[in-house]
Structures are given as C-alpha cells and as structure tokens.
C-alpha cells in the first residue's frame, strides 16, 4: 500500500493534491463487492503469466510474477480496471520498485565482503542518485493511475479537502529562506520568527493528533461541561477521551475538517489553547497531576525544526 500513498502524497506531476488517507478510506466502502472478483481476475492473470513464462523458458520465477499480480490486484481494486490495460502495462510494479530503491538507497548496504565500506559509501551514500533514471517509469504509473481512478480520487477529495499544494510549499520556502538569511542560520530565535511554519505544525497536530484516545478512571465525582450540557462522571467510572472531538469542534474552528495552514497566525494564535493533541491545552504546562505529555514542547519544536530542515534540504525543488 505504500506505493499508493507515495504516488499521491508527492503529486508534483499532478494538477491537484488528493490526500491518500481519504482515498484509502473511500475505497473499501465503494469497492467491497468487487474485491473477490478483482482478486480472481488478477490471479487468473498470474497463472497466465506463469504458464507463458514456463512455456517460453521452461521455468518461471514465482516471486516476480507474484509481485506483478499484487500490483495488478490493487490497481484493479482502486481503479476498476487491470493495469495491463493502461500505459502502466505489465511493468508497473517494476517501475515502482526502481523508484522505491532510489528512495531507500541512502540506507542500503550491499553486504559484499570484497567491497570496502568506504567504496560502498561513495557509490550509494555520498551523492543523491539522479532522479531522471526513474522519472519516466514513475510518471507512467502515476498518470495511468490518476486517469483510471479519477472518480474515486474525486470522491476522496470531497471527503478530505486538504489542499497541501504548491502555493503552501512556496510560502513556507519563502518564509524559511528569508528568516534563515536574516538570522544567519537556524536558531531558536529564527524558529520563533517563522509564524507560518509554527501555524502549519499546530494545524497538523490539530488535524491528526498523534495519540487520539486517552483513558482514565475518575478518582472522584467530576462534572464535565460542554457547549450545550454538563455531564456527571462518578468516582470509579472509566473515562475515554477522543481528541478530534475537541480539535475539530465546529463551534471553535471554522471549517474544522479542512487543513488551513495559516489558521494559527496573527489573531488566530489565540486558538492554540483548543489544540489538545498533548492530552491538555496547548497553552498549559505538563505536571505530575494533569497527565499532559511531558515532552509536548519538544514535540512541537522538533516538528518545526524538521519542517525547516526539509525545506532547506530540498529548497532547490521549490520555485518561489
């Protein structure tokens, strides 16, 4: 499934961003009745490929053919047609394997005893591998999938409307470049000046709290008050908290289901107290009694630093 997320989380070749989570959540519901028939069709193609290879070569590599079948089954399930009937063809999985290798190359070790580590580092870990080698194959699969699964992608886009497009990338890159240049590097003071970067991190934590459920047992009778009512929880009762109920509260946040990058900029910063990702208000401090994440400040800081490092490292790919 990772190749599907990869295709649609890195849509630099597409006109619009469709969020993979919405895509994957829509598919099982829409295609439930097709799952087994699609599997049988893909399996039939698997056996046909095996028989053809056996007839031609006298032997067959079942792993290679099984990889093709897995790709074709997922393509059928998501796109409603065989990958063999699209420009991706029978080699779609091979093209994605090459693309994946280029992503993982910095972590790969060949394990060859006769090859010194310094030589392996020079070949694989020193310079980025040229993307043009896999670009054509990647685009072929991307375009075939984008065209064949268009209706499903449109439905996912309706359900999860998050435009993480090039405009936001340019704005982040511009802010980070300007502040880093002004401060002479990345410092804590520089990070504090990056208002859009801070807002994006808070918005990401609002949309997708890392730990969405919390459980506790009431030590005494307590009353929880909401917008419209109060609820009595008696001593000894189990409490389950689901953070998105608060972080996506329509009475607090405008368009709560949408990712709004600048939601917490300017006057909007007062809303961060309603971001409960850390098991408490973002404006509160962790204590031994409130069970708020003791590393909440570090999590936010590291997230901001990672975002900054990402745009510093790949800034050449973003045109401001």
C-alpha atoms as a PDB file:
ATOM      1  CA  UNK A   1       0.000   0.000   0.000  1.00  0.00           C
ATOM      2  CA  UNK A   2       2.965   2.307   0.457  1.00  0.00           C
ATOM      3  CA  UNK A   3       3.300   2.916  -3.277  1.00  0.00           C
ATOM      4  CA  UNK A   4      -0.266   4.271  -3.366  1.00  0.00           C
ATOM      5  CA  UNK A   5       0.450   6.747  -0.577  1.00  0.00           C
ATOM      6  CA  UNK A   6       3.731   7.657  -2.234  1.00  0.00           C
ATOM      7  CA  UNK A   7       2.060   8.391  -5.552  1.00  0.00           C
ATOM      8  CA  UNK A   8      -0.497  10.756  -4.082  1.00  0.00           C
ATOM      9  CA  UNK A   9       1.483  12.390  -1.310  1.00  0.00           C
ATOM     10  CA  UNK A  10       4.108  13.508  -3.826  1.00  0.00           C
ATOM     11  CA  UNK A  11       1.952  14.785  -6.646  1.00  0.00           C
ATOM     12  CA  UNK A  12       4.469  17.199  -8.135  1.00  0.00           C
ATOM     13  CA  UNK A  13       3.420  15.853 -11.544  1.00  0.00           C
ATOM     14  CA  UNK A  14      -0.333  16.209 -10.988  1.00  0.00           C
ATOM     15  CA  UNK A  15      -2.600  19.206 -11.205  1.00  0.00           C
ATOM     16  CA  UNK A  16      -4.157  18.749  -7.771  1.00  0.00           C
ATOM     17  CA  UNK A  17      -3.416  17.040  -4.482  1.00  0.00           C
ATOM     18  CA  UNK A  18      -5.669  14.241  -3.355  1.00  0.00           C
ATOM     19  CA  UNK A  19      -4.967  13.113   0.139  1.00  0.00           C
ATOM     20  CA  UNK A  20      -4.195   9.397   0.348  1.00  0.00           C
ATOM     21  CA  UNK A  21      -5.993   8.893   3.643  1.00  0.00           C
ATOM     22  CA  UNK A  22      -9.304   9.996   2.168  1.00  0.00           C
ATOM     23  CA  UNK A  23      -8.591   7.904  -0.900  1.00  0.00           C
ATOM     24  CA  UNK A  24      -7.907   4.748   1.105  1.00  0.00           C
ATOM     25  CA  UNK A  25     -10.925   5.274   3.360  1.00  0.00           C
ATOM     26  CA  UNK A  26     -13.318   5.676   0.430  1.00  0.00           C
ATOM     27  CA  UNK A  27     -12.124   2.610  -1.500  1.00  0.00           C
ATOM     28  CA  UNK A  28     -13.187  -0.272   0.804  1.00  0.00           C
ATOM     29  CA  UNK A  29     -16.725   1.116   1.052  1.00  0.00           C
ATOM     30  CA  UNK A  30     -17.155   1.692  -2.686  1.00  0.00           C
ATOM     31  CA  UNK A  31     -15.397  -1.439  -3.945  1.00  0.00           C
ATOM     32  CA  UNK A  32     -16.381  -4.025  -1.309  1.00  0.00           C
ATOM     33  CA  UNK A  33     -18.413  -6.067  -3.809  1.00  0.00           C
ATOM     34  CA  UNK A  34     -15.542  -6.105  -6.307  1.00  0.00           C
ATOM     35  CA  UNK A  35     -12.784  -7.323  -4.006  1.00  0.00           C
ATOM     36  CA  UNK A  36     -13.041 -11.059  -4.635  1.00  0.00           C
ATOM     37  CA  UNK A  37     -13.900 -10.822  -8.351  1.00  0.00           C
ATOM     38  CA  UNK A  38     -10.929  -8.478  -8.817  1.00  0.00           C
ATOM     39  CA  UNK A  39      -8.715 -10.905  -6.924  1.00  0.00           C
ATOM     40  CA  UNK A  40      -9.833 -13.801  -9.137  1.00  0.00           C
ATOM     41  CA  UNK A  41      -9.134 -11.763 -12.273  1.00  0.00           C
ATOM     42  CA  UNK A  42      -5.677 -10.815 -11.020  1.00  0.00           C
ATOM     43  CA  UNK A  43      -5.000 -14.428 -10.024  1.00  0.00           C
ATOM     44  CA  UNK A  44      -6.044 -15.591 -13.491  1.00  0.00           C
ATOM     45  CA  UNK A  45      -3.507 -13.164 -14.957  1.00  0.00           C
ATOM     46  CA  UNK A  46      -0.914 -14.512 -12.507  1.00  0.00           C
ATOM     47  CA  UNK A  47      -1.401 -18.076 -13.768  1.00  0.00           C
ATOM     48  CA  UNK A  48      -1.421 -16.912 -17.370  1.00  0.00           C
ATOM     49  CA  UNK A  49       1.922 -15.145 -16.840  1.00  0.00           C
ATOM     50  CA  UNK A  50       3.380 -18.197 -15.082  1.00  0.00           C
ATOM     51  CA  UNK A  51       2.249 -20.536 -17.850  1.00  0.00           C
ATOM     52  CA  UNK A  52       3.594 -18.208 -20.536  1.00  0.00           C
ATOM     53  CA  UNK A  53       6.983 -17.978 -18.803  1.00  0.00           C
ATOM     54  CA  UNK A  54       7.126 -21.747 -18.284  1.00  0.00           C
ATOM     55  CA  UNK A  55       6.269 -22.334 -21.921  1.00  0.00           C
ATOM     56  CA  UNK A  56       8.858 -19.845 -23.112  1.00  0.00           C
ATOM     57  CA  UNK A  57      11.759 -20.583 -20.746  1.00  0.00           C
ATOM     58  CA  UNK A  58      10.966 -23.937 -19.221  1.00  0.00           C
ATOM     59  CA  UNK A  59      10.932 -22.364 -15.760  1.00  0.00           C
ATOM     60  CA  UNK A  60       9.315 -19.404 -14.005  1.00  0.00           C
ATOM     61  CA  UNK A  61      10.195 -17.048 -11.158  1.00  0.00           C
ATOM     62  CA  UNK A  62       7.080 -17.109  -8.993  1.00  0.00           C
ATOM     63  CA  UNK A  63       8.217 -14.150  -6.872  1.00  0.00           C
ATOM     64  CA  UNK A  64       8.479 -11.823  -9.858  1.00  0.00           C
ATOM     65  CA  UNK A  65       5.117 -12.876 -11.245  1.00  0.00           C
ATOM     66  CA  UNK A  66       3.501 -12.649  -7.791  1.00  0.00           C
ATOM     67  CA  UNK A  67       4.738  -9.062  -7.454  1.00  0.00           C
ATOM     68  CA  UNK A  68       3.095  -8.236 -10.779  1.00  0.00           C
ATOM     69  CA  UNK A  69      -0.129  -9.885  -9.596  1.00  0.00           C
ATOM     70  CA  UNK A  70      -0.137  -7.924  -6.308  1.00  0.00           C
ATOM     71  CA  UNK A  71       0.265  -4.647  -8.168  1.00  0.00           C
ATOM     72  CA  UNK A  72      -2.407  -5.560 -10.704  1.00  0.00           C
ATOM     73  CA  UNK A  73      -4.886  -6.602  -7.987  1.00  0.00           C
ATOM     74  CA  UNK A  74      -4.500  -3.303  -6.122  1.00  0.00           C
ATOM     75  CA  UNK A  75      -4.745  -1.397  -9.388  1.00  0.00           C
ATOM     76  CA  UNK A  76      -7.978  -3.233 -10.230  1.00  0.00           C
ATOM     77  CA  UNK A  77      -9.364  -2.640  -6.748  1.00  0.00           C
ATOM     78  CA  UNK A  78      -8.680   1.092  -6.740  1.00  0.00           C
ATOM     79  CA  UNK A  79      -9.011   1.940 -10.416  1.00  0.00           C
ATOM     80  CA  UNK A  80     -11.624  -0.558 -11.615  1.00  0.00           C
ATOM     81  CA  UNK A  81      -9.525  -1.951 -14.460  1.00  0.00           C
ATOM     82  CA  UNK A  82      -6.413  -4.018 -14.993  1.00  0.00           C
ATOM     83  CA  UNK A  83      -3.049  -2.272 -15.019  1.00  0.00           C
ATOM     84  CA  UNK A  84      -2.318  -4.352 -18.143  1.00  0.00           C
ATOM     85  CA  UNK A  85      -4.953  -2.290 -19.961  1.00  0.00           C
ATOM     86  CA  UNK A  86      -3.275   1.039 -19.167  1.00  0.00           C
ATOM     87  CA  UNK A  87       0.022   2.678 -20.138  1.00  0.00           C
ATOM     88  CA  UNK A  88       1.463   1.258 -16.888  1.00  0.00           C
ATOM     89  CA  UNK A  89       1.273  -2.151 -18.519  1.00  0.00           C
ATOM     90  CA  UNK A  90       2.707  -5.307 -17.023  1.00  0.00           C
ATOM     91  CA  UNK A  91       5.797  -3.458 -15.802  1.00  0.00           C
ATOM     92  CA  UNK A  92       4.103  -1.095 -13.370  1.00  0.00           C
ATOM     93  CA  UNK A  93       5.399  -2.852 -10.283  1.00  0.00           C
ATOM     94  CA  UNK A  94       8.952  -2.962 -11.674  1.00  0.00           C
ATOM     95  CA  UNK A  95       8.892   0.796 -12.283  1.00  0.00           C
ATOM     96  CA  UNK A  96       7.761   1.392  -8.709  1.00  0.00           C
ATOM     97  CA  UNK A  97      10.421  -0.982  -7.355  1.00  0.00           C
ATOM     98  CA  UNK A  98      13.066   1.139  -9.085  1.00  0.00           C
ATOM     99  CA  UNK A  99      11.505   4.307  -7.685  1.00  0.00           C
ATOM    100  CA  UNK A 100      11.457   2.789  -4.177  1.00  0.00           C
ATOM    101  CA  UNK A 101      15.107   1.732  -4.456  1.00  0.00           C
ATOM    102  CA  UNK A 102      16.094   5.323  -5.183  1.00  0.00           C
ATOM    103  CA  UNK A 103      14.225   6.436  -2.046  1.00  0.00           C
ATOM    104  CA  UNK A 104      15.957   3.837   0.109  1.00  0.00           C
ATOM    105  CA  UNK A 105      19.415   3.980  -1.473  1.00  0.00           C
ATOM    106  CA  UNK A 106      20.893   6.133   1.343  1.00  0.00           C
ATOM    107  CA  UNK A 107      20.017   3.309   3.786  1.00  0.00           C
ATOM    108  CA  UNK A 108      21.008   0.349   1.622  1.00  0.00           C
ATOM    109  CA  UNK A 109      24.059  -1.785   2.305  1.00  0.00           C
ATOM    110  CA  UNK A 110      25.124  -4.355  -0.280  1.00  0.00           C
ATOM    111  CA  UNK A 111      26.800  -6.631   2.260  1.00  0.00           C
ATOM    112  CA  UNK A 112      29.563  -7.647  -0.154  1.00  0.00           C
ATOM    113  CA  UNK A 113      32.683  -8.857   1.699  1.00  0.00           C
ATOM    114  CA  UNK A 114      35.024  -7.914  -1.124  1.00  0.00           C
ATOM    115  CA  UNK A 115      33.673  -4.348  -1.324  1.00  0.00           C
ATOM    116  CA  UNK A 116      35.150  -1.974   1.305  1.00  0.00           C
ATOM    117  CA  UNK A 117      32.631   0.117   3.239  1.00  0.00           C
ATOM    118  CA  UNK A 118      34.268   3.328   2.043  1.00  0.00           C
ATOM    119  CA  UNK A 119      33.650   2.344  -1.591  1.00  0.00           C
ATOM    120  CA  UNK A 120      30.040   1.418  -0.865  1.00  0.00           C
ATOM    121  CA  UNK A 121      29.521   4.735   0.918  1.00  0.00           C
ATOM    122  CA  UNK A 122      30.988   6.574  -2.056  1.00  0.00           C
ATOM    123  CA  UNK A 123      28.733   4.743  -4.523  1.00  0.00           C
ATOM    124  CA  UNK A 124      25.451   4.772  -2.608  1.00  0.00           C
ATOM    125  CA  UNK A 125      25.571   7.163   0.332  1.00  0.00           C
ATOM    126  CA  UNK A 126      27.547  10.204  -0.782  1.00  0.00           C
ATOM    127  CA  UNK A 127      25.670  11.642  -3.746  1.00  0.00           C
ATOM    128  CA  UNK A 128      21.923  11.640  -4.469  1.00  0.00           C
ATOM    129  CA  UNK A 129      21.031   9.229  -7.249  1.00  0.00           C
ATOM    130  CA  UNK A 130      19.820  11.025 -10.402  1.00  0.00           C
ATOM    131  CA  UNK A 131      16.035  11.089 -10.455  1.00  0.00           C
ATOM    132  CA  UNK A 132      15.759  11.155 -14.244  1.00  0.00           C
ATOM    133  CA  UNK A 133      16.633   7.438 -14.264  1.00  0.00           C
ATOM    134  CA  UNK A 134      13.267   6.524 -12.676  1.00  0.00           C
ATOM    135  CA  UNK A 135      11.188   9.577 -13.555  1.00  0.00           C
ATOM    136  CA  UNK A 136       9.755   8.205 -16.794  1.00  0.00           C
ATOM    137  CA  UNK A 137       8.569   4.943 -15.246  1.00  0.00           C
ATOM    138  CA  UNK A 138       7.173   6.684 -12.197  1.00  0.00           C
ATOM    139  CA  UNK A 139       5.229   9.176 -14.306  1.00  0.00           C
ATOM    140  CA  UNK A 140       3.846   6.381 -16.471  1.00  0.00           C
ATOM    141  CA  UNK A 141       2.368   4.603 -13.436  1.00  0.00           C
ATOM    142  CA  UNK A 142       1.272   7.882 -11.841  1.00  0.00           C
ATOM    143  CA  UNK A 143      -0.566   9.079 -14.951  1.00  0.00           C
ATOM    144  CA  UNK A 144      -2.216   5.711 -15.576  1.00  0.00           C
ATOM    145  CA  UNK A 145      -3.463   5.541 -12.013  1.00  0.00           C
ATOM    146  CA  UNK A 146      -4.541   9.176 -11.979  1.00  0.00           C
ATOM    147  CA  UNK A 147      -6.627   8.681 -15.097  1.00  0.00           C
ATOM    148  CA  UNK A 148      -8.101   5.273 -14.271  1.00  0.00           C
ATOM    149  CA  UNK A 149      -9.006   6.108 -10.654  1.00  0.00           C
ATOM    150  CA  UNK A 150     -10.233   9.629 -11.366  1.00  0.00           C
ATOM    151  CA  UNK A 151     -13.759   9.200  -9.988  1.00  0.00           C
ATOM    152  CA  UNK A 152     -12.571   7.592  -6.782  1.00  0.00           C
ATOM    153  CA  UNK A 153      -9.938  10.280  -6.299  1.00  0.00           C
ATOM    154  CA  UNK A 154     -12.557  12.985  -6.775  1.00  0.00           C
ATOM    155  CA  UNK A 155     -14.750  11.372  -4.117  1.00  0.00           C
ATOM    156  CA  UNK A 156     -11.813  11.176  -1.703  1.00  0.00           C
ATOM    157  CA  UNK A 157     -11.051  14.811  -2.366  1.00  0.00           C
ATOM    158  CA  UNK A 158     -14.612  15.752  -1.414  1.00  0.00           C
ATOM    159  CA  UNK A 159     -14.381  13.868   1.867  1.00  0.00           C
ATOM    160  CA  UNK A 160     -10.931  15.108   2.870  1.00  0.00           C
ATOM    161  CA  UNK A 161     -10.454  18.593   1.464  1.00  0.00           C
ATOM    162  CA  UNK A 162      -6.822  19.417   2.256  1.00  0.00           C
ATOM    163  CA  UNK A 163      -5.066  21.495  -0.357  1.00  0.00           C
ATOM    164  CA  UNK A 164      -1.412  20.984   0.502  1.00  0.00           C
ATOM    165  CA  UNK A 165      -0.440  22.389  -2.857  1.00  0.00           C
ATOM    166  CA  UNK A 166       2.466  24.205  -4.387  1.00  0.00           C
ATOM    167  CA  UNK A 167       1.289  27.578  -3.071  1.00  0.00           C
ATOM    168  CA  UNK A 168       1.845  26.483   0.539  1.00  0.00           C
ATOM    169  CA  UNK A 169       5.218  24.995  -0.386  1.00  0.00           C
ATOM    170  CA  UNK A 170       6.288  28.288  -1.924  1.00  0.00           C
ATOM    171  CA  UNK A 171       5.090  30.290   1.081  1.00  0.00           C
ATOM    172  CA  UNK A 172       6.908  28.032   3.523  1.00  0.00           C
ATOM    173  CA  UNK A 173      10.069  28.079   1.439  1.00  0.00           C
ATOM    174  CA  UNK A 174       9.970  31.867   1.163  1.00  0.00           C
ATOM    175  CA  UNK A 175       9.455  32.356   4.913  1.00  0.00           C
ATOM    176  CA  UNK A 176      12.162  29.871   5.891  1.00  0.00           C
ATOM    177  CA  UNK A 177      14.685  31.264   3.389  1.00  0.00           C
ATOM    178  CA  UNK A 178      14.068  34.852   4.460  1.00  0.00           C
ATOM    179  CA  UNK A 179      14.341  34.182   8.198  1.00  0.00           C
ATOM    180  CA  UNK A 180      17.387  31.916   7.889  1.00  0.00           C
ATOM    181  CA  UNK A 181      19.122  34.568   5.767  1.00  0.00           C
ATOM    182  CA  UNK A 182      18.193  37.325   8.218  1.00  0.00           C
ATOM    183  CA  UNK A 183      19.320  35.349  11.273  1.00  0.00           C
ATOM    184  CA  UNK A 184      22.410  33.897   9.621  1.00  0.00           C
ATOM    185  CA  UNK A 185      21.254  30.319  10.209  1.00  0.00           C
ATOM    186  CA  UNK A 186      18.667  28.223  12.010  1.00  0.00           C
ATOM    187  CA  UNK A 187      18.420  29.246  15.645  1.00  0.00           C
ATOM    188  CA  UNK A 188      15.688  29.150  18.259  1.00  0.00           C
ATOM    189  CA  UNK A 189      15.176  32.860  17.668  1.00  0.00           C
ATOM    190  CA  UNK A 190      14.820  32.198  13.939  1.00  0.00           C
ATOM    191  CA  UNK A 191      12.256  29.451  14.547  1.00  0.00           C
ATOM    192  CA  UNK A 192      10.159  31.830  16.649  1.00  0.00           C
ATOM    193  CA  UNK A 193      10.011  34.273  13.726  1.00  0.00           C
ATOM    194  CA  UNK A 194       8.599  31.653  11.350  1.00  0.00           C
ATOM    195  CA  UNK A 195       4.920  32.267  12.013  1.00  0.00           C
ATOM    196  CA  UNK A 196       3.613  30.233   9.070  1.00  0.00           C
ATOM    197  CA  UNK A 197       5.853  27.313   9.979  1.00  0.00           C
ATOM    198  CA  UNK A 198       4.563  27.359  13.553  1.00  0.00           C
ATOM    199  CA  UNK A 199       0.973  27.559  12.359  1.00  0.00           C
ATOM    200  CA  UNK A 200       1.407  24.640   9.955  1.00  0.00           C
ATOM    201  CA  UNK A 201       2.772  22.427  12.738  1.00  0.00           C
ATOM    202  CA  UNK A 202      -0.095  23.307  15.094  1.00  0.00           C
ATOM    203  CA  UNK A 203      -2.618  22.734  12.309  1.00  0.00           C
ATOM    204  CA  UNK A 204      -1.121  19.316  11.559  1.00  0.00           C
ATOM    205  CA  UNK A 205      -1.357  18.389  15.249  1.00  0.00           C
ATOM    206  CA  UNK A 206      -4.937  19.672  15.304  1.00  0.00           C
ATOM    207  CA  UNK A 207      -5.954  17.664  12.263  1.00  0.00           C
ATOM    208  CA  UNK A 208      -4.164  14.458  13.233  1.00  0.00           C
ATOM    209  CA  UNK A 209      -3.367  14.213  16.969  1.00  0.00           C
ATOM    210  CA  UNK A 210      -0.597  11.583  17.335  1.00  0.00           C
ATOM    211  CA  UNK A 211      -2.464   9.771  20.128  1.00  0.00           C
ATOM    212  CA  UNK A 212      -6.175  10.272  19.625  1.00  0.00           C
ATOM    213  CA  UNK A 213      -7.566   8.247  22.546  1.00  0.00           C
ATOM    214  CA  UNK A 214      -6.940   8.660  26.267  1.00  0.00           C
ATOM    215  CA  UNK A 215      -8.335   6.570  29.082  1.00  0.00           C
ATOM    216  CA  UNK A 216      -8.555   7.231  32.805  1.00  0.00           C
ATOM    217  CA  UNK A 217     -10.570   6.322  35.866  1.00  0.00           C
ATOM    218  CA  UNK A 218     -12.297   9.070  37.837  1.00  0.00           C
ATOM    219  CA  UNK A 219     -10.771   9.436  41.315  1.00  0.00           C
ATOM    220  CA  UNK A 220     -13.796  11.418  42.466  1.00  0.00           C
ATOM    221  CA  UNK A 221     -17.126  12.661  41.160  1.00  0.00           C
ATOM    222  CA  UNK A 222     -16.487  15.252  38.467  1.00  0.00           C
ATOM    223  CA  UNK A 223     -18.664  17.326  36.155  1.00  0.00           C
ATOM    224  CA  UNK A 224     -17.603  17.930  32.574  1.00  0.00           C
ATOM    225  CA  UNK A 225     -19.192  20.939  30.904  1.00  0.00           C
ATOM    226  CA  UNK A 226     -19.561  21.257  27.147  1.00  0.00           C
ATOM    227  CA  UNK A 227     -21.104  23.900  24.912  1.00  0.00           C
ATOM    228  CA  UNK A 228     -24.673  22.756  25.491  1.00  0.00           C
ATOM    229  CA  UNK A 229     -24.732  20.461  28.516  1.00  0.00           C
ATOM    230  CA  UNK A 230     -22.931  19.158  31.596  1.00  0.00           C
ATOM    231  CA  UNK A 231     -22.167  15.544  32.378  1.00  0.00           C
ATOM    232  CA  UNK A 232     -21.601  13.917  35.754  1.00  0.00           C
ATOM    233  CA  UNK A 233     -18.910  11.261  35.925  1.00  0.00           C
ATOM    234  CA  UNK A 234     -18.945   9.289  39.138  1.00  0.00           C
ATOM    235  CA  UNK A 235     -15.919   8.125  41.067  1.00  0.00           C
ATOM    236  CA  UNK A 236     -14.510   4.869  39.698  1.00  0.00           C
ATOM    237  CA  UNK A 237     -16.057   5.219  36.249  1.00  0.00           C
ATOM    238  CA  UNK A 238     -13.812   4.848  33.200  1.00  0.00           C
ATOM    239  CA  UNK A 239     -13.337   7.921  31.038  1.00  0.00           C
ATOM    240  CA  UNK A 240     -12.466   7.740  27.350  1.00  0.00           C
ATOM    241  CA  UNK A 241     -11.317  10.907  25.628  1.00  0.00           C
ATOM    242  CA  UNK A 242     -11.268  11.277  21.851  1.00  0.00           C
ATOM    243  CA  UNK A 243      -9.200  14.330  20.954  1.00  0.00           C
ATOM    244  CA  UNK A 244     -10.578  15.060  17.447  1.00  0.00           C
ATOM    245  CA  UNK A 245     -13.955  15.842  19.010  1.00  0.00           C
ATOM    246  CA  UNK A 246     -12.259  18.877  20.556  1.00  0.00           C
ATOM    247  CA  UNK A 247      -9.680  19.669  17.871  1.00  0.00           C
ATOM    248  CA  UNK A 248     -12.338  19.618  15.135  1.00  0.00           C
ATOM    249  CA  UNK A 249     -15.077  21.346  17.116  1.00  0.00           C
ATOM    250  CA  UNK A 250     -17.101  23.413  14.588  1.00  0.00           C
ATOM    251  CA  UNK A 251     -18.066  25.851  17.349  1.00  0.00           C
ATOM    252  CA  UNK A 252     -14.406  26.707  17.827  1.00  0.00           C
ATOM    253  CA  UNK A 253     -12.793  26.205  14.417  1.00  0.00           C
ATOM    254  CA  UNK A 254     -14.092  27.476  11.090  1.00  0.00           C
ATOM    255  CA  UNK A 255     -14.084  24.679   8.507  1.00  0.00           C
ATOM    256  CA  UNK A 256     -12.686  22.227  11.070  1.00  0.00           C
ATOM    257  CA  UNK A 257     -12.236  19.378   8.560  1.00  0.00           C
ATOM    258  CA  UNK A 258     -10.028  21.477   6.275  1.00  0.00           C
ATOM    259  CA  UNK A 259      -6.299  21.951   6.615  1.00  0.00           C
ATOM    260  CA  UNK A 260      -5.844  25.721   6.907  1.00  0.00           C
ATOM    261  CA  UNK A 261      -2.093  26.474   7.020  1.00  0.00           C
ATOM    262  CA  UNK A 262      -2.385  29.984   8.475  1.00  0.00           C
ATOM    263  CA  UNK A 263      -5.170  29.174  10.955  1.00  0.00           C
ATOM    264  CA  UNK A 264      -2.945  29.992  13.954  1.00  0.00           C
ATOM    265  CA  UNK A 265      -1.275  33.116  12.582  1.00  0.00           C
ATOM    266  CA  UNK A 266      -1.960  36.606  13.916  1.00  0.00           C
ATOM    267  CA  UNK A 267      -5.159  36.756  15.960  1.00  0.00           C
ATOM    268  CA  UNK A 268      -5.693  33.084  15.205  1.00  0.00           C
ATOM    269  CA  UNK A 269      -2.897  32.181  17.617  1.00  0.00           C
ATOM    270  CA  UNK A 270      -5.376  32.515  20.472  1.00  0.00           C
ATOM    271  CA  UNK A 271      -7.000  29.312  19.208  1.00  0.00           C
ATOM    272  CA  UNK A 272      -3.987  27.140  20.057  1.00  0.00           C
ATOM    273  CA  UNK A 273      -5.422  26.580  23.538  1.00  0.00           C
ATOM    274  CA  UNK A 274      -8.008  24.346  21.852  1.00  0.00           C
ATOM    275  CA  UNK A 275      -5.361  22.091  20.297  1.00  0.00           C
ATOM    276  CA  UNK A 276      -5.499  19.146  22.705  1.00  0.00           C
ATOM    277  CA  UNK A 277      -3.047  16.808  20.979  1.00  0.00           C
ATOM    278  CA  UNK A 278      -0.900  16.518  24.143  1.00  0.00           C
ATOM    279  CA  UNK A 279      -3.776  15.438  26.424  1.00  0.00           C
ATOM    280  CA  UNK A 280      -4.288  19.012  27.509  1.00  0.00           C
ATOM    281  CA  UNK A 281      -4.486  22.567  26.262  1.00  0.00           C
ATOM    282  CA  UNK A 282      -1.556  23.661  24.133  1.00  0.00           C
ATOM    283  CA  UNK A 283      -1.205  26.680  26.449  1.00  0.00           C
ATOM    284  CA  UNK A 284      -0.955  24.523  29.603  1.00  0.00           C
ATOM    285  CA  UNK A 285       2.199  23.090  31.094  1.00  0.00           C
ATOM    286  CA  UNK A 286       2.609  19.388  31.946  1.00  0.00           C
ATOM    287  CA  UNK A 287       2.502  18.481  35.641  1.00  0.00           C
ATOM    288  CA  UNK A 288       2.516  15.251  37.621  1.00  0.00           C
ATOM    289  CA  UNK A 289      -1.223  15.651  38.178  1.00  0.00           C
ATOM    290  CA  UNK A 290      -2.620  16.590  34.768  1.00  0.00           C
ATOM    291  CA  UNK A 291      -1.010  13.729  32.819  1.00  0.00           C
ATOM    292  CA  UNK A 292      -0.225  16.032  29.907  1.00  0.00           C
ATOM    293  CA  UNK A 293       2.555  14.845  27.605  1.00  0.00           C
ATOM    294  CA  UNK A 294       5.788  15.916  29.361  1.00  0.00           C
ATOM    295  CA  UNK A 295       7.548  16.255  26.003  1.00  0.00           C
ATOM    296  CA  UNK A 296       4.888  18.413  24.348  1.00  0.00           C
ATOM    297  CA  UNK A 297       7.158  21.433  23.913  1.00  0.00           C
ATOM    298  CA  UNK A 298       9.899  19.235  22.489  1.00  0.00           C
ATOM    299  CA  UNK A 299       7.488  17.596  20.044  1.00  0.00           C
ATOM    300  CA  UNK A 300       6.365  20.953  18.667  1.00  0.00           C
ATOM    301  CA  UNK A 301       9.940  22.240  18.484  1.00  0.00           C
ATOM    302  CA  UNK A 302      11.226  19.108  16.731  1.00  0.00           C
ATOM    303  CA  UNK A 303       8.335  19.231  14.275  1.00  0.00           C
ATOM    304  CA  UNK A 304       9.161  22.815  13.386  1.00  0.00           C
ATOM    305  CA  UNK A 305      12.860  22.014  13.050  1.00  0.00           C
ATOM    306  CA  UNK A 306      12.109  19.028  10.819  1.00  0.00           C
ATOM    307  CA  UNK A 307       9.913  21.165   8.572  1.00  0.00           C
ATOM    308  CA  UNK A 308      12.642  23.790   8.329  1.00  0.00           C
ATOM    309  CA  UNK A 309      15.315  21.203   7.571  1.00  0.00           C
ATOM    310  CA  UNK A 310      13.102  19.650   4.908  1.00  0.00           C
ATOM    311  CA  UNK A 311      12.736  22.923   3.037  1.00  0.00           C
ATOM    312  CA  UNK A 312      16.381  23.833   3.468  1.00  0.00           C
ATOM    313  CA  UNK A 313      17.455  20.465   2.075  1.00  0.00           C
ATOM    314  CA  UNK A 314      15.007  20.359  -0.822  1.00  0.00           C
ATOM    315  CA  UNK A 315      14.669  24.088  -1.430  1.00  0.00           C
ATOM    316  CA  UNK A 316      16.013  23.699  -4.956  1.00  0.00           C
ATOM    317  CA  UNK A 317      12.835  21.862  -5.915  1.00  0.00           C
ATOM    318  CA  UNK A 318      10.555  24.704  -4.798  1.00  0.00           C
ATOM    319  CA  UNK A 319      10.253  27.707  -7.076  1.00  0.00           C
ATOM    320  CA  UNK A 320       9.288  30.865  -5.162  1.00  0.00           C
END
